[in-house]
Structures are given as structure tokens and as C-alpha cells.
Amino acid sequence: MLVMKFGGSSVADDKQIHKVLQIVKGRASRRPVVVSSAHKGITDALLSAGKKAAAGEPDAATIIEKQRKVLKGCGCEHDLLDTFFREIEDLLRGISLVREASKRSLDFLASFGERMSCRVIADYFTRHGVKAEAFDAFELGYITDEHFGSARPLPGYELKMETEFKRRVGSDVTPIITGFIGKTSSGEITTVGRNGSDFTATCFAAGLGAEECEIWTDTDGVMTADPSLIKDARSIPFMSFAEASELAYYGGRVLHPSTLLPAIKRKIPVRVLNTNRPDHPGTVITEEGGENPNAITSIAYKENQAVITIESPQMLGQPGFLAKVFDVLGREKIDIDMISTSEISVSMTCPGVANLNEAAKALEAHGRVSIVSDKTIVCVVGKNVKAQRGLAARVFGALRDCDVNVEMISQGANKINLSFLIDDDDIAKAVPALHDALFK
């Protein structure tokens, strides 16, 4: 069995869906299981409509118009999704009445993107020679916790998924399964986070014991840098789970950060491929990886970071000071990336500033607190970065030459990355300079 995930750009319209059909046909002997995202732009349109409804302006017209365009292009019956359209209209009216778009409501609203796209794709496949059926992931055992917006499947989901799949999916059917969404035990629809269809796919690969999981995107696999910044970025032939996880966490544009966890657990290879160039070998991600032509694997970056700094003479010779700081951050659910300490201060990076105000108030009991925003973590990843003599000189020399200031540096937590902090405004200078220094 082969699990194949197709992203929003891969199923954007009838032309792209036809490409997907041909790819799936070519793998028919491997019993393909298809996991699909929403059509490109639909999820954004749904969430935007939810925010406008909360402001008293319920309007489903933009969403319905976008979806009907795909329906018409694919030759589907015009009323195929009418039930969903009515539900979206009702939900937006409800949000506008209470003037509130809760995480629960937004998850329910966002779920329509995948639920509609899978119906369209299954209908198109069936009319073009591949018997297919659409399934919501939760119909096949994908039951999650109640963390709306970032839900995770409940322990033991693999057995339930295997059981429901055997019960519901005919042996002659190609299932088209919703990515991104699940459902709680009490029946509330959840989402696993933006771009989370990758994670759904590897969960199904683990639950069904697939031989491999393919992630189909609009790039030739995982690249040496963000191709929107680096036009001559190269495809990476092989990667280890550790390298790929590091890149995903630090902003790699291809994989969702949690994607590899189920695959790592079951040692299932993940292959990243290009829907528009299906003959390209892409990137194969396995436990050990493989030999690549360059010692450095890739450069990733994660923008919109904040830095919170605590200065206090109390730190001097006081065991447990940092424990008190981290206790506050844990209570406020602040996720920390980089840490830098001195005798009387500690600086930490975290995503954005939205949740920092309450944490900052609590931390003032331990010292003077300051927060700065609009920072970016840049991460240089390679199989054994820590042992490469002269690497730091090349990295920081390139940044010096392009006039980029470095504020924090982290190396040593593991042997595969070198991370540092710069201003958001310097991304466009820093990443090309680093790519030239490390890959040319």
C-alpha cells in the first residue's frame, strides 16, 4: 500500500487534478491511498470569511464562487456540493450573530475546504476510469484531542484506523481522504494546523502499514533553500529523518513540522515529489538518509519571532532561577526556541508576541523584562555541521559581507544545525548570501 498526499497547488483546478489522476493511475498496482488538501486558496477564503462574519459581515459568495469554478472545470454536477454550501452560509450567519469566531468554529469552517475538494476529486476520478470514493478522515478512525487549531490523534489511533479502513473501503476503490481535519471523541471537527495534510498522510501511512508515503508538492522535493528567494535552489536527493525534522521545524517550506513523527515511529520512507514534474526523483527521507553532493543539506528560516529578555542580579549564584522562569512560560504556553544566557540575563526566542503580555507581567517578579519583535531564526542544516571546521567562518563571513547583523547564536544542542537570529528585514539579503557561500 502507498499513501499519496497532494497539496493545494496540486489540486488547484481541473488541469492539476488531471495530472494527479495520471500519477495515481501510474501507481495503481501499489494500492494507492490519496490524501488531499483543499483547492488552492479555499482555506484562506474560508478563514477570511469567518473573521468578516465575526465583524458582522457574513458572506459566503466568494468561497462558493471559487469552489463552483473548480466544479465546472472538472465537469461535476452543479449541485454536487450544495449541501456544503448551505452549511457554510448557515455557519457564517451564526458567527455573525454572536460576533465571535472561536477556534472551534474556525476549525469547523476550515474543514469544508478538504471535504469539498475530496468530493470533487473522487467524482472526477470515477468519471475518468479510476473508481474512487471520498472519505472524511474521521470516518476512517482519525479521532483527535480537543486542541482546536493544532489537534493530534489520540493514542491508539493506528488500530482504529486499520479497523475502520478495512470495514469501509472496498478493495476495488481508491479512497480520497481529507487531509488537515479530524474529529474529537464527542464529535467536534478539529484541524491539525495549517499545511497539516502532510501529517494526516503520514498518520495514515503508519496506521495502515504503508510501504511508503509520498508528499506531492509544486517543487522538486526538499530544496537547498526557499525557491521563492533562491531561483537556483537545488533539490536534495536524500535526507535523514533528523535533518528533515529540523528543516520543517525551522521553517522549511515543503513539510509540516509534525509530518515525520508517525513515519519515524514506523520507519516508513517519505518521498517528496513535484506534481508538475512527476518524473523527477525528488527527495527521499529515511532514518539514515544518504550521500549528498554537499556537506550542508539546506538553509531554512522562521520569521516573525520575538525575543524576551530578563535581566536580574538574582541570577548570580542562585540555583533554580531558570526553573522559575520556565515555569511561568510553561503556564502561559510559550514555546521557546533559542536561549542565550549571561551572568545576569537570559534571552529567549518564541513565535510572535501575541501571548507574551501575561507572561511578561509574571516574569517581572524575577527581573527587568524587555520584548523585541520582527526577528528571524535562520538555520543551517547538515549531517554533521558541528564537526565541519571553518563552517562558522563561512556563514558569518557571508553575513558580514552583506551587512547583516547577528544577535543570537546556537550550536551544540545537536550536531546537525547551526542557528542564529537576525532582523526580519534582512532575510532577503541573508539567505541568498548564505546559499552562495555554502552551495557554490
Protein backbone atom coordinates (compact mmCIF):
# COMPACT_ATOMS: atom_id res chain seq x y z
CA MET A 1 0.00 0.00 0.00
CA LEU A 2 1.14 3.52 -0.87
CA VAL A 3 -0.15 6.73 0.74
CA MET A 4 -0.03 9.78 -1.57
CA LYS A 5 -0.70 13.29 -0.30
CA PHE A 6 -1.46 16.11 -2.76
CA GLY A 7 -1.25 19.73 -1.63
CA GLY A 8 -3.48 22.67 -2.52
CA SER A 9 -1.48 23.74 -5.58
CA SER A 10 -1.53 20.13 -6.84
CA VAL A 11 -5.36 20.09 -6.81
CA ALA A 12 -5.91 23.77 -7.60
CA ASP A 13 -8.09 23.24 -10.68
CA ASP A 14 -9.17 20.71 -13.32
CA LYS A 15 -5.79 20.76 -15.10
CA GLN A 16 -3.93 19.98 -11.89
CA ILE A 17 -6.45 17.34 -10.82
CA HIS A 18 -6.00 15.64 -14.19
CA LYS A 19 -2.24 15.48 -13.51
CA VAL A 20 -2.99 13.90 -10.14
CA LEU A 21 -5.25 11.34 -11.85
CA GLN A 22 -2.45 10.29 -14.21
CA ILE A 23 0.04 10.00 -11.34
CA VAL A 24 -2.35 7.85 -9.29
CA LYS A 25 -3.12 5.66 -12.33
CA GLY A 26 0.58 5.03 -12.74
CA ARG A 27 0.73 3.63 -9.19
CA ALA A 28 -2.44 1.53 -9.33
CA SER A 29 -0.53 -1.71 -8.65
CA ARG A 30 0.66 -0.32 -5.29
CA ARG A 31 -2.89 0.19 -3.94
CA PRO A 32 -2.76 3.99 -3.64
CA VAL A 33 -4.49 5.81 -0.81
CA VAL A 34 -4.90 9.50 -1.67
CA VAL A 35 -4.90 12.25 0.99
CA SER A 36 -5.86 15.67 -0.36
CA SER A 37 -5.70 19.28 0.74
CA ALA A 38 -8.31 21.88 -0.16
CA HIS A 39 -8.09 23.51 -3.58
CA LYS A 40 -5.54 26.33 -3.53
CA GLY A 41 -6.96 29.47 -1.93
CA ILE A 42 -10.12 27.91 -0.48
CA THR A 43 -8.88 27.56 3.13
CA ASP A 44 -7.71 31.18 3.16
CA ALA A 45 -11.08 32.27 1.76
CA LEU A 46 -12.94 30.28 4.43
CA LEU A 47 -10.92 31.72 7.33
CA SER A 48 -11.19 35.24 5.92
CA ALA A 49 -14.96 34.82 5.67
CA GLY A 50 -15.04 33.66 9.30
CA LYS A 51 -13.24 36.78 10.51
CA LYS A 52 -15.52 39.04 8.47
CA ALA A 53 -18.59 37.23 9.83
CA ALA A 54 -17.34 37.87 13.38
CA ALA A 55 -17.30 41.56 12.45
CA GLY A 56 -20.93 41.31 11.35
CA GLU A 57 -20.39 40.73 7.63
CA PRO A 58 -21.40 37.15 6.75
CA ASP A 59 -20.68 36.47 3.09
CA ALA A 60 -20.14 33.01 1.59
CA ALA A 61 -20.29 34.23 -2.00
CA THR A 62 -16.51 34.40 -2.56
CA ILE A 63 -15.99 30.85 -1.29
CA ILE A 64 -18.88 29.41 -3.27
CA GLU A 65 -17.78 31.22 -6.43
CA LYS A 66 -14.22 29.83 -6.11
CA GLN A 67 -15.47 26.31 -5.49
CA ARG A 68 -18.05 26.41 -8.29
CA LYS A 69 -15.29 27.41 -10.72
CA VAL A 70 -13.40 24.21 -9.87
CA LEU A 71 -16.64 22.18 -10.04
CA LYS A 72 -17.41 23.49 -13.51
CA GLY A 73 -13.87 22.98 -14.77
CA CYS A 74 -13.92 19.37 -13.59
CA GLY A 75 -17.28 18.69 -15.25
CA CYS A 76 -19.02 17.77 -11.98
CA GLU A 77 -22.78 18.04 -11.46
CA HIS A 78 -23.56 21.62 -10.47
CA ASP A 79 -25.32 20.54 -7.25
CA LEU A 80 -22.59 18.14 -6.02
CA LEU A 81 -21.60 20.43 -3.14
CA ASP A 82 -24.86 22.28 -2.49
CA THR A 83 -25.23 20.72 0.97
CA PHE A 84 -21.81 22.05 1.94
CA PHE A 85 -22.57 25.49 0.52
CA ARG A 86 -25.72 25.74 2.66
CA GLU A 87 -23.82 24.65 5.77
CA ILE A 88 -21.15 27.30 5.15
CA GLU A 89 -23.81 30.01 4.74
CA ASP A 90 -25.57 28.91 7.94
CA LEU A 91 -22.31 28.80 9.90
CA LEU A 92 -21.24 32.28 8.79
CA ARG A 93 -24.64 33.68 9.75
CA GLY A 94 -24.29 32.05 13.17
CA ILE A 95 -20.81 33.53 13.69
CA SER A 96 -22.12 36.97 12.72
CA LEU A 97 -24.97 36.73 15.25
CA VAL A 98 -22.68 36.02 18.22
CA ARG A 99 -19.91 38.29 16.84
CA GLU A 100 -17.29 35.70 17.71
CA ALA A 101 -15.18 33.26 15.68
CA SER A 102 -13.92 30.75 18.25
CA LYS A 103 -11.19 28.24 17.45
CA ARG A 104 -13.88 25.54 17.42
CA SER A 105 -15.97 27.49 14.91
CA LEU A 106 -12.97 28.28 12.69
CA ASP A 107 -11.91 24.62 12.65
CA PHE A 108 -15.40 23.61 11.57
CA LEU A 109 -15.40 26.32 8.91
CA ALA A 110 -11.92 25.46 7.61
CA SER A 111 -12.83 21.77 7.34
CA PHE A 112 -15.14 22.46 4.39
CA GLY A 113 -12.13 23.05 2.12
CA GLU A 114 -10.86 19.48 2.31
CA ARG A 115 -14.33 17.96 2.48
CA MET A 116 -15.34 19.69 -0.74
CA SER A 117 -12.10 19.03 -2.64
CA CYS A 118 -12.18 15.30 -1.88
CA ARG A 119 -15.75 15.02 -3.25
CA VAL A 120 -14.71 16.81 -6.43
CA ILE A 121 -11.58 14.67 -6.91
CA ALA A 122 -13.41 11.39 -6.23
CA ASP A 123 -16.12 12.35 -8.72
CA TYR A 124 -13.54 13.34 -11.36
CA PHE A 125 -11.52 10.14 -10.87
CA THR A 126 -14.60 7.91 -11.16
CA ARG A 127 -15.72 9.57 -14.39
CA HIS A 128 -12.22 9.14 -15.83
CA GLY A 129 -11.64 5.46 -15.23
CA VAL A 130 -10.49 5.22 -11.58
CA LYS A 131 -13.23 4.10 -9.20
CA ALA A 132 -12.88 6.41 -6.23
CA GLU A 133 -14.77 7.36 -3.08
CA ALA A 134 -14.37 10.39 -0.81
CA PHE A 135 -13.91 9.88 2.93
CA ASP A 136 -13.60 12.31 5.78
CA ALA A 137 -10.52 11.23 7.74
CA PHE A 138 -12.54 10.86 10.94
CA GLU A 139 -14.77 8.26 9.22
CA LEU A 140 -11.63 6.12 8.99
CA GLY A 141 -10.54 6.37 12.63
CA TYR A 142 -8.74 9.73 12.68
CA ILE A 143 -10.01 10.79 16.11
CA THR A 144 -8.15 13.62 17.82
CA ASP A 145 -7.84 15.50 21.08
CA GLU A 146 -9.66 18.82 21.61
CA HIS A 147 -6.80 21.21 20.85
CA PHE A 148 -8.65 23.13 18.15
CA GLY A 149 -6.28 24.55 15.57
CA SER A 150 -3.48 22.11 16.45
CA ALA A 151 -5.17 18.81 17.27
CA ARG A 152 -3.33 15.49 17.46
CA PRO A 153 -4.68 11.95 17.01
CA LEU A 154 -5.47 10.09 20.22
CA PRO A 155 -3.14 7.29 21.33
CA GLY A 156 -4.05 4.01 19.68
CA TYR A 157 -5.46 5.67 16.57
CA GLU A 158 -3.49 3.26 14.36
CA LEU A 159 -5.56 0.21 15.34
CA LYS A 160 -8.85 2.09 14.99
CA MET A 161 -7.75 3.44 11.61
CA GLU A 162 -6.79 -0.02 10.35
CA THR A 163 -10.13 -1.45 11.53
CA GLU A 164 -12.30 1.29 10.01
CA PHE A 165 -10.35 1.28 6.75
CA LYS A 166 -10.91 -2.47 6.28
CA ARG A 167 -14.60 -2.08 7.15
CA ARG A 168 -15.40 0.92 4.96
CA VAL A 169 -13.05 0.93 1.95
CA GLY A 170 -13.71 -1.58 -0.79
CA SER A 171 -10.75 -3.43 -2.30
CA ASP A 172 -11.60 -2.05 -5.74
CA VAL A 173 -11.87 1.58 -4.58
CA THR A 174 -9.23 4.31 -4.49
CA PRO A 175 -10.03 6.27 -1.32
CA ILE A 176 -9.72 10.07 -1.47
CA ILE A 177 -9.27 11.16 2.16
CA THR A 178 -9.44 14.62 3.70
CA GLY A 179 -6.13 15.92 4.99
CA PHE A 180 -5.85 18.55 7.73
CA ILE A 181 -9.01 17.62 9.66
CA GLY A 182 -10.10 15.19 12.36
CA LYS A 183 -12.87 14.86 14.94
CA THR A 184 -12.93 14.57 18.71
CA SER A 185 -14.49 11.64 20.55
CA SER A 186 -17.50 13.88 21.23
CA GLY A 187 -17.96 14.67 17.54
CA GLU A 188 -16.39 18.14 17.20
CA ILE A 189 -14.41 18.71 13.99
CA THR A 190 -10.78 19.75 14.53
CA THR A 191 -7.83 20.77 12.38
CA VAL A 192 -4.19 19.77 12.91
CA GLY A 193 -2.69 23.14 11.90
CA ARG A 194 -2.06 24.88 8.60
CA ASN A 195 -0.40 22.66 5.98
CA GLY A 196 -1.28 19.72 8.21
CA SER A 197 -2.34 17.37 5.41
CA ASP A 198 1.26 16.10 5.37
CA PHE A 199 0.78 14.98 8.96
CA THR A 200 -2.55 13.33 8.13
CA ALA A 201 -0.84 11.41 5.34
CA THR A 202 1.96 10.02 7.50
CA CYS A 203 -0.57 9.12 10.20
CA PHE A 204 -2.48 7.07 7.64
CA ALA A 205 0.77 5.56 6.37
CA ALA A 206 1.60 4.50 9.94
CA GLY A 207 -1.92 3.29 10.73
CA LEU A 208 -2.25 1.27 7.53
CA GLY A 209 1.33 -0.04 7.47
CA ALA A 210 2.12 1.55 4.10
CA GLU A 211 5.39 0.77 2.32
CA GLU A 212 5.98 4.47 1.64
CA CYS A 213 4.38 7.90 1.93
CA GLU A 214 4.61 10.32 -1.00
CA ILE A 215 4.17 14.07 -0.45
CA TRP A 216 3.31 15.74 -3.77
CA THR A 217 4.03 19.47 -3.96
CA ASP A 218 4.96 22.14 -6.53
CA THR A 219 8.74 21.83 -6.02
CA ASP A 220 11.29 19.14 -6.96
CA GLY A 221 11.43 17.72 -3.45
CA VAL A 222 13.06 19.43 -0.48
CA MET A 223 15.31 22.24 -1.71
CA THR A 224 18.61 23.68 -0.52
CA ALA A 225 16.76 26.93 0.29
CA ASP A 226 13.39 28.59 -0.19
CA PRO A 227 12.97 28.63 -4.02
CA SER A 228 10.94 31.84 -3.81
CA LEU A 229 14.16 33.54 -2.62
CA ILE A 230 16.76 31.40 -4.41
CA LYS A 231 15.91 30.77 -8.05
CA ASP A 232 18.75 28.26 -8.47
CA ALA A 233 17.98 26.32 -5.28
CA ARG A 234 18.74 22.62 -5.77
CA SER A 235 16.79 19.51 -4.98
CA ILE A 236 18.25 17.40 -2.16
CA PRO A 237 18.36 13.70 -3.21
CA PHE A 238 18.45 12.14 0.27
CA MET A 239 17.76 13.28 3.81
CA SER A 240 17.67 11.68 7.23
CA PHE A 241 14.59 11.96 9.42
CA ALA A 242 16.63 14.17 11.76
CA GLU A 243 17.64 16.63 9.04
CA ALA A 244 14.14 16.83 7.58
CA SER A 245 12.56 17.32 11.02
CA GLU A 246 14.98 20.14 11.79
CA LEU A 247 14.24 21.87 8.48
CA ALA A 248 10.48 21.51 8.91
CA TYR A 249 10.60 22.93 12.43
CA TYR A 250 12.75 25.88 11.40
CA GLY A 251 10.53 26.97 8.57
CA GLY A 252 11.29 24.63 5.65
CA ARG A 253 8.60 25.42 3.06
CA VAL A 254 7.82 21.84 2.00
CA LEU A 255 6.95 19.78 5.08
CA HIS A 256 4.66 20.40 8.03
CA PRO A 257 6.72 20.37 11.26
CA SER A 258 4.96 17.29 12.70
CA THR A 259 4.90 15.34 9.43
CA LEU A 260 7.70 12.94 10.13
CA LEU A 261 6.76 11.79 13.64
CA PRO A 262 4.48 8.89 12.59
CA ALA A 263 6.90 7.91 9.80
CA ILE A 264 9.86 7.91 12.21
CA LYS A 265 7.96 5.71 14.64
CA ARG A 266 7.17 3.10 11.96
CA LYS A 267 10.34 3.70 9.87
CA ILE A 268 8.28 4.45 6.76
CA PRO A 269 10.20 6.27 3.97
CA VAL A 270 8.78 9.65 2.95
CA ARG A 271 9.33 10.80 -0.63
CA VAL A 272 8.74 14.45 -1.62
CA LEU A 273 7.82 14.88 -5.31
CA ASN A 274 6.65 17.50 -7.82
CA THR A 275 3.16 17.12 -9.29
CA ASN A 276 4.19 19.22 -12.28
CA ARG A 277 7.35 17.14 -12.91
CA PRO A 278 6.37 13.62 -11.83
CA ASP A 279 9.45 12.02 -13.40
CA HIS A 280 11.81 13.99 -11.15
CA PRO A 281 13.16 11.74 -8.34
CA GLY A 282 12.54 14.38 -5.68
CA THR A 283 13.81 13.81 -2.14
CA VAL A 284 13.78 10.52 -0.24
CA ILE A 285 13.67 10.83 3.55
CA THR A 286 14.67 7.77 5.59
CA GLU A 287 16.04 7.06 9.05
CA GLU A 288 19.68 7.25 7.95
CA GLY A 289 19.39 9.41 4.83
CA GLY A 290 22.03 9.00 2.13
CA GLU A 291 25.03 10.59 0.49
CA ASN A 292 24.53 14.09 -0.88
CA PRO A 293 26.93 16.11 -3.06
CA ASN A 294 27.22 18.86 -0.42
CA ALA A 295 28.12 18.70 3.26
CA ILE A 296 25.35 21.21 4.01
CA THR A 297 21.83 19.97 3.38
CA SER A 298 19.73 23.13 3.39
CA ILE A 299 19.07 26.60 4.80
CA ALA A 300 15.73 27.28 6.49
CA TYR A 301 14.33 30.30 8.25
CA LYS A 302 11.45 31.07 10.60
CA GLU A 303 10.37 34.71 10.61
CA ASN A 304 8.06 36.73 12.90
CA GLN A 305 9.87 35.68 16.06
CA ALA A 306 10.06 37.63 19.31
CA VAL A 307 12.87 37.83 21.87
CA ILE A 308 12.07 38.09 25.56
CA THR A 309 14.95 39.10 27.84
CA ILE A 310 15.10 39.02 31.64
CA GLU A 311 17.86 40.92 33.43
CA SER A 312 18.38 40.28 37.11
CA PRO A 313 21.30 40.24 39.58
CA GLN A 314 19.33 37.45 41.30
CA MET A 315 20.62 35.05 38.66
CA LEU A 316 24.13 35.18 40.16
CA GLY A 317 24.71 32.00 42.12
CA GLN A 318 21.01 31.26 42.52
CA PRO A 319 20.12 27.63 41.70
CA GLY A 320 16.58 27.29 40.35
CA PHE A 321 16.28 30.79 38.83
CA LEU A 322 15.72 29.47 35.31
CA ALA A 323 13.31 26.85 36.63
CA LYS A 324 11.09 29.68 37.90
CA VAL A 325 11.30 31.44 34.52
CA PHE A 326 10.40 28.31 32.58
CA ASP A 327 7.56 27.54 34.97
CA VAL A 328 5.97 30.88 34.04
CA LEU A 329 6.49 30.26 30.32
CA GLY A 330 5.03 26.77 30.62
CA ARG A 331 1.89 28.05 32.34
CA GLU A 332 1.41 30.64 29.60
CA LYS A 333 2.08 28.03 26.88
CA ILE A 334 5.04 29.95 25.42
CA ASP A 335 7.12 27.76 23.11
CA ILE A 336 10.84 28.59 23.34
CA ASP A 337 13.34 28.00 20.50
CA MET A 338 16.74 29.61 21.18
CA ILE A 339 18.21 30.53 24.56
CA SER A 340 21.23 32.69 25.40
CA THR A 341 22.42 33.36 28.95
CA SER A 342 24.97 35.57 30.72
CA GLU A 343 25.75 36.15 34.39
CA ILE A 344 22.74 38.41 34.93
CA SER A 345 20.45 37.94 31.90
CA VAL A 346 18.69 35.34 29.79
CA SER A 347 17.24 35.89 26.31
CA MET A 348 14.78 33.50 24.64
CA THR A 349 13.08 33.43 21.25
CA CYS A 350 9.47 32.42 20.68
CA PRO A 351 6.91 32.68 17.87
CA GLY A 352 5.30 36.14 17.69
CA VAL A 353 4.26 38.38 20.56
CA ALA A 354 0.55 37.58 20.84
CA ASN A 355 0.79 35.56 24.07
CA LEU A 356 3.68 37.38 25.73
CA ASN A 357 1.96 40.15 27.68
CA GLU A 358 0.70 37.96 30.53
CA ALA A 359 4.00 36.06 30.66
CA ALA A 360 5.95 39.33 30.79
CA LYS A 361 3.89 40.57 33.75
CA ALA A 362 4.55 37.36 35.66
CA LEU A 363 8.26 37.40 34.80
CA GLU A 364 8.69 40.92 36.19
CA ALA A 365 8.73 39.32 39.64
CA HIS A 366 12.11 37.85 38.67
CA GLY A 367 13.78 40.81 36.95
CA ARG A 368 13.53 43.54 34.33
CA VAL A 369 11.73 42.25 31.25
CA SER A 370 12.03 43.52 27.67
CA ILE A 371 10.49 42.21 24.44
CA VAL A 372 11.55 42.87 20.85
CA SER A 373 9.78 41.51 17.77
CA ASP A 374 10.22 41.14 14.00
CA LYS A 375 13.13 38.72 14.25
CA THR A 376 14.02 35.65 12.18
CA ILE A 377 15.76 32.41 13.13
CA VAL A 378 17.99 31.16 10.32
CA CYS A 379 19.05 27.52 10.50
CA VAL A 380 21.89 25.87 8.52
CA VAL A 381 21.32 22.10 8.50
CA GLY A 382 23.69 19.30 7.56
CA LYS A 383 24.50 15.74 8.60
CA ASN A 384 27.43 16.73 10.80
CA VAL A 385 27.51 20.52 10.92
CA LYS A 386 29.11 20.52 14.34
CA ALA A 387 32.27 18.82 13.05
CA GLN A 388 32.79 20.98 9.94
CA ARG A 389 35.82 23.16 10.53
CA GLY A 390 35.54 26.62 9.07
CA LEU A 391 31.77 26.45 8.60
CA ALA A 392 31.06 29.23 11.11
CA ALA A 393 33.65 31.44 9.38
CA ARG A 394 31.92 30.92 6.01
CA VAL A 395 28.46 31.56 7.47
CA PHE A 396 29.27 34.67 9.46
CA GLY A 397 31.68 35.96 6.84
CA ALA A 398 28.87 35.85 4.28
CA LEU A 399 26.55 37.70 6.67
CA ARG A 400 29.21 40.32 7.35
CA ASP A 401 29.76 40.89 3.64
CA CYS A 402 26.06 41.51 3.02
CA ASP A 403 25.80 43.78 6.08
CA VAL A 404 23.54 41.55 8.20
CA ASN A 405 23.87 41.72 11.98
CA VAL A 406 23.60 38.53 14.07
CA GLU A 407 22.04 38.85 17.54
CA MET A 408 21.97 35.31 18.95
CA ILE A 409 23.79 32.10 18.02
CA SER A 410 23.01 28.48 18.90
CA GLN A 411 25.13 25.42 18.16
CA GLY A 412 25.68 22.34 20.24
CA ALA A 413 22.15 21.17 21.06
CA ASN A 414 22.69 18.59 18.34
CA LYS A 415 25.26 18.02 15.63
CA ILE A 416 23.13 18.84 12.60
CA ASN A 417 22.31 22.54 12.85
CA LEU A 418 23.76 26.00 13.36
CA SER A 419 21.10 28.59 14.18
CA PHE A 420 21.21 32.35 14.62
CA LEU A 421 18.91 35.34 14.90
CA ILE A 422 18.59 38.28 12.50
CA ASP A 423 16.05 41.00 11.69
CA ASP A 424 13.06 40.01 9.54
CA ASP A 425 14.03 42.78 7.10
CA ASP A 426 17.38 41.07 6.44
CA ILE A 427 16.01 37.73 5.17
CA ALA A 428 16.17 38.78 1.52
CA LYS A 429 19.89 39.61 1.90
CA ALA A 430 20.98 36.88 4.28
CA VAL A 431 19.58 33.72 2.66
CA PRO A 432 20.98 34.37 -0.87
CA ALA A 433 24.37 35.29 0.60
CA LEU A 434 24.44 32.10 2.67
CA HIS A 435 23.37 29.97 -0.29
CA ASP A 436 26.16 31.39 -2.43
CA ALA A 437 28.71 30.80 0.33
CA LEU A 438 27.61 27.23 1.14
CA PHE A 439 26.44 25.78 -2.18
CA LYS A 440 28.53 27.50 -4.85
